[in-house]
Amino acid sequence: MTKFPETTSSNIYDRDFLLWVQTTANLLKVGKFTEINIPNLIE
């Protein structure tokens, strides 16, 4: 079985900023506010 790397919001922020921005924008669009990494968003 293939194991995929962890894709938490903070992990994406550190590895691929553009992907993090796109993911955060999508979370905002669908109203999943509790899944947004607020400290990174503020930064």
PDB file of N, CA and C in Angstrom:
ATOM      1  N   MET A   1       0.845  -1.173   0.000  1.00  0.00           N
ATOM      2  CA  MET A   1       0.000   0.000   0.000  1.00  0.00           C
ATOM      3  C   MET A   1       0.900   1.249   0.000  1.00  0.00           C
ATOM      4  N   THR A   2       0.564   2.209  -0.852  1.00  0.00           N
ATOM      5  CA  THR A   2       1.316   3.445  -0.935  1.00  0.00           C
ATOM      6  C   THR A   2       0.931   4.359   0.214  1.00  0.00           C
ATOM      7  N   LYS A   3       1.934   4.911   0.865  1.00  0.00           N
ATOM      8  CA  LYS A   3       1.675   5.845   1.954  1.00  0.00           C
ATOM      9  C   LYS A   3       1.935   7.257   1.443  1.00  0.00           C
ATOM     10  N   PHE A   4       0.930   8.105   1.531  1.00  0.00           N
ATOM     11  CA  PHE A   4       1.046   9.469   1.064  1.00  0.00           C
ATOM     12  C   PHE A   4       1.541  10.361   2.196  1.00  0.00           C
ATOM     13  N   PRO A   5       2.280  11.413   1.860  1.00  0.00           N
ATOM     14  CA  PRO A   5       2.753  12.321   2.907  1.00  0.00           C
ATOM     15  C   PRO A   5       1.591  13.050   3.559  1.00  0.00           C
ATOM     16  N   GLU A   6       1.809  13.452   4.787  1.00  0.00           N
ATOM     17  CA  GLU A   6       0.787  14.187   5.527  1.00  0.00           C
ATOM     18  C   GLU A   6       0.469  15.485   4.800  1.00  0.00           C
ATOM     19  N   THR A   7      -0.802  15.795   4.700  1.00  0.00           N
ATOM     20  CA  THR A   7      -1.205  17.003   3.967  1.00  0.00           C
ATOM     21  C   THR A   7      -1.974  17.958   4.863  1.00  0.00           C
ATOM     22  N   THR A   8      -1.484  18.138   6.073  1.00  0.00           N
ATOM     23  CA  THR A   8      -2.133  19.112   6.945  1.00  0.00           C
ATOM     24  C   THR A   8      -1.858  20.503   6.406  1.00  0.00           C
ATOM     25  N   SER A   9      -2.672  21.431   6.819  1.00  0.00           N
ATOM     26  CA  SER A   9      -2.537  22.794   6.327  1.00  0.00           C
ATOM     27  C   SER A   9      -1.165  23.387   6.629  1.00  0.00           C
ATOM     28  N   SER A  10      -0.663  23.172   7.847  1.00  0.00           N
ATOM     29  CA  SER A  10       0.640  23.742   8.186  1.00  0.00           C
ATOM     30  C   SER A  10       1.750  23.048   7.415  1.00  0.00           C
ATOM     31  N   ASN A  11       1.604  21.748   7.154  1.00  0.00           N
ATOM     32  CA  ASN A  11       2.602  21.022   6.384  1.00  0.00           C
ATOM     33  C   ASN A  11       2.643  21.541   4.950  1.00  0.00           C
ATOM     34  N   ILE A  12       1.493  21.761   4.350  1.00  0.00           N
ATOM     35  CA  ILE A  12       1.434  22.308   2.992  1.00  0.00           C
ATOM     36  C   ILE A  12       2.042  23.704   2.969  1.00  0.00           C
ATOM     37  N   TYR A  13       1.769  24.506   3.976  1.00  0.00           N
ATOM     38  CA  TYR A  13       2.282  25.869   4.064  1.00  0.00           C
ATOM     39  C   TYR A  13       3.810  25.877   4.001  1.00  0.00           C
ATOM     40  N   ASP A  14       4.422  24.952   4.691  1.00  0.00           N
ATOM     41  CA  ASP A  14       5.885  24.872   4.726  1.00  0.00           C
ATOM     42  C   ASP A  14       6.487  24.293   3.450  1.00  0.00           C
ATOM     43  N   ARG A  15       5.745  23.478   2.728  1.00  0.00           N
ATOM     44  CA  ARG A  15       6.297  22.778   1.571  1.00  0.00           C
ATOM     45  C   ARG A  15       5.918  23.392   0.223  1.00  0.00           C
ATOM     46  N   ASP A  16       4.690  23.883   0.114  1.00  0.00           N
ATOM     47  CA  ASP A  16       4.204  24.383  -1.178  1.00  0.00           C
ATOM     48  C   ASP A  16       3.203  25.506  -0.914  1.00  0.00           C
ATOM     49  N   PHE A  17       3.710  26.745  -0.881  1.00  0.00           N
ATOM     50  CA  PHE A  17       2.877  27.888  -0.495  1.00  0.00           C
ATOM     51  C   PHE A  17       1.694  28.072  -1.436  1.00  0.00           C
ATOM     52  N   LEU A  18       1.905  27.935  -2.736  1.00  0.00           N
ATOM     53  CA  LEU A  18       0.802  28.110  -3.685  1.00  0.00           C
ATOM     54  C   LEU A  18      -0.299  27.086  -3.427  1.00  0.00           C
ATOM     55  N   LEU A  19       0.068  25.848  -3.199  1.00  0.00           N
ATOM     56  CA  LEU A  19      -0.926  24.819  -2.893  1.00  0.00           C
ATOM     57  C   LEU A  19      -1.658  25.160  -1.603  1.00  0.00           C
ATOM     58  N   TRP A  20      -0.943  25.676  -0.606  1.00  0.00           N
ATOM     59  CA  TRP A  20      -1.575  26.070   0.645  1.00  0.00           C
ATOM     60  C   TRP A  20      -2.596  27.185   0.415  1.00  0.00           C
ATOM     61  N   VAL A  21      -2.233  28.182  -0.392  1.00  0.00           N
ATOM     62  CA  VAL A  21      -3.156  29.293  -0.684  1.00  0.00           C
ATOM     63  C   VAL A  21      -4.405  28.761  -1.381  1.00  0.00           C
ATOM     64  N   GLN A  22      -4.226  27.892  -2.350  1.00  0.00           N
ATOM     65  CA  GLN A  22      -5.373  27.328  -3.078  1.00  0.00           C
ATOM     66  C   GLN A  22      -6.253  26.498  -2.151  1.00  0.00           C
ATOM     67  N   THR A  23      -5.629  25.701  -1.297  1.00  0.00           N
ATOM     68  CA  THR A  23      -6.371  24.865  -0.357  1.00  0.00           C
ATOM     69  C   THR A  23      -7.142  25.734   0.635  1.00  0.00           C
ATOM     70  N   THR A  24      -6.493  26.763   1.159  1.00  0.00           N
ATOM     71  CA  THR A  24      -7.138  27.660   2.112  1.00  0.00           C
ATOM     72  C   THR A  24      -8.305  28.389   1.450  1.00  0.00           C
ATOM     73  N   ALA A  25      -8.126  28.850   0.227  1.00  0.00           N
ATOM     74  CA  ALA A  25      -9.211  29.522  -0.499  1.00  0.00           C
ATOM     75  C   ALA A  25     -10.393  28.580  -0.681  1.00  0.00           C
ATOM     76  N   ASN A  26     -10.121  27.342  -1.020  1.00  0.00           N
ATOM     77  CA  ASN A  26     -11.208  26.367  -1.187  1.00  0.00           C
ATOM     78  C   ASN A  26     -11.925  26.101   0.131  1.00  0.00           C
ATOM     79  N   LEU A  27     -11.167  25.994   1.221  1.00  0.00           N
ATOM     80  CA  LEU A  27     -11.791  25.788   2.531  1.00  0.00           C
ATOM     81  C   LEU A  27     -12.699  26.960   2.886  1.00  0.00           C
ATOM     82  N   LEU A  28     -12.250  28.169   2.582  1.00  0.00           N
ATOM     83  CA  LEU A  28     -13.077  29.355   2.834  1.00  0.00           C
ATOM     84  C   LEU A  28     -14.345  29.321   1.982  1.00  0.00           C
ATOM     85  N   LYS A  29     -14.217  28.946   0.722  1.00  0.00           N
ATOM     86  CA  LYS A  29     -15.365  28.915  -0.192  1.00  0.00           C
ATOM     87  C   LYS A  29     -16.442  27.956   0.275  1.00  0.00           C
ATOM     88  N   VAL A  30     -16.019  26.802   0.819  1.00  0.00           N
ATOM     89  CA  VAL A  30     -17.004  25.794   1.231  1.00  0.00           C
ATOM     90  C   VAL A  30     -17.388  25.911   2.702  1.00  0.00           C
ATOM     91  N   GLY A  31     -16.842  26.919   3.387  1.00  0.00           N
ATOM     92  CA  GLY A  31     -17.247  27.178   4.756  1.00  0.00           C
ATOM     93  C   GLY A  31     -16.636  26.269   5.804  1.00  0.00           C
ATOM     94  N   LYS A  32     -15.523  25.626   5.501  1.00  0.00           N
ATOM     95  CA  LYS A  32     -14.860  24.745   6.469  1.00  0.00           C
ATOM     96  C   LYS A  32     -13.844  25.548   7.280  1.00  0.00           C
ATOM     97  N   PHE A  33     -14.348  26.508   8.043  1.00  0.00           N
ATOM     98  CA  PHE A  33     -13.499  27.449   8.769  1.00  0.00           C
ATOM     99  C   PHE A  33     -12.661  26.786   9.852  1.00  0.00           C
ATOM    100  N   THR A  34     -13.161  25.695  10.422  1.00  0.00           N
ATOM    101  CA  THR A  34     -12.406  25.031  11.486  1.00  0.00           C
ATOM    102  C   THR A  34     -11.177  24.293  10.956  1.00  0.00           C
ATOM    103  N   GLU A  35     -11.100  24.074   9.656  1.00  0.00           N
ATOM    104  CA  GLU A  35      -9.959  23.372   9.061  1.00  0.00           C
ATOM    105  C   GLU A  35      -8.861  24.320   8.584  1.00  0.00           C
ATOM    106  N   ILE A  36      -9.111  25.614   8.682  1.00  0.00           N
ATOM    107  CA  ILE A  36      -8.138  26.612   8.210  1.00  0.00           C
ATOM    108  C   ILE A  36      -7.081  26.830   9.280  1.00  0.00           C
ATOM    109  N   ASN A  37      -5.835  26.920   8.859  1.00  0.00           N
ATOM    110  CA  ASN A  37      -4.741  27.188   9.774  1.00  0.00           C
ATOM    111  C   ASN A  37      -4.657  28.706   9.970  1.00  0.00           C
ATOM    112  N   ILE A  38      -5.329  29.182  11.008  1.00  0.00           N
ATOM    113  CA  ILE A  38      -5.434  30.632  11.258  1.00  0.00           C
ATOM    114  C   ILE A  38      -4.071  31.290  11.481  1.00  0.00           C
ATOM    115  N   PRO A  39      -3.167  30.725  12.287  1.00  0.00           N
ATOM    116  CA  PRO A  39      -1.864  31.380  12.468  1.00  0.00           C
ATOM    117  C   PRO A  39      -1.101  31.601  11.154  1.00  0.00           C
ATOM    118  N   ASN A  40      -1.127  30.625  10.274  1.00  0.00           N
ATOM    119  CA  ASN A  40      -0.456  30.802   8.980  1.00  0.00           C
ATOM    120  C   ASN A  40      -1.195  31.802   8.120  1.00  0.00           C
ATOM    121  N   LEU A  41      -2.505  31.839   8.194  1.00  0.00           N
ATOM    122  CA  LEU A  41      -3.290  32.802   7.433  1.00  0.00           C
ATOM    123  C   LEU A  41      -2.976  34.225   7.878  1.00  0.00           C
ATOM    124  N   ILE A  42      -2.839  34.432   9.154  1.00  0.00           N
ATOM    125  CA  ILE A  42      -2.514  35.753   9.691  1.00  0.00           C
ATOM    126  C   ILE A  42      -1.110  36.173   9.268  1.00  0.00           C
ATOM    127  N   GLU A  43      -0.194  35.229   9.268  1.00  0.00           N
ATOM    128  CA  GLU A  43       1.190  35.518   8.902  1.00  0.00           C
ATOM    129  C   GLU A  43       1.261  36.023   7.497  1.00  0.00           C
TER     130      GLU A  43
END
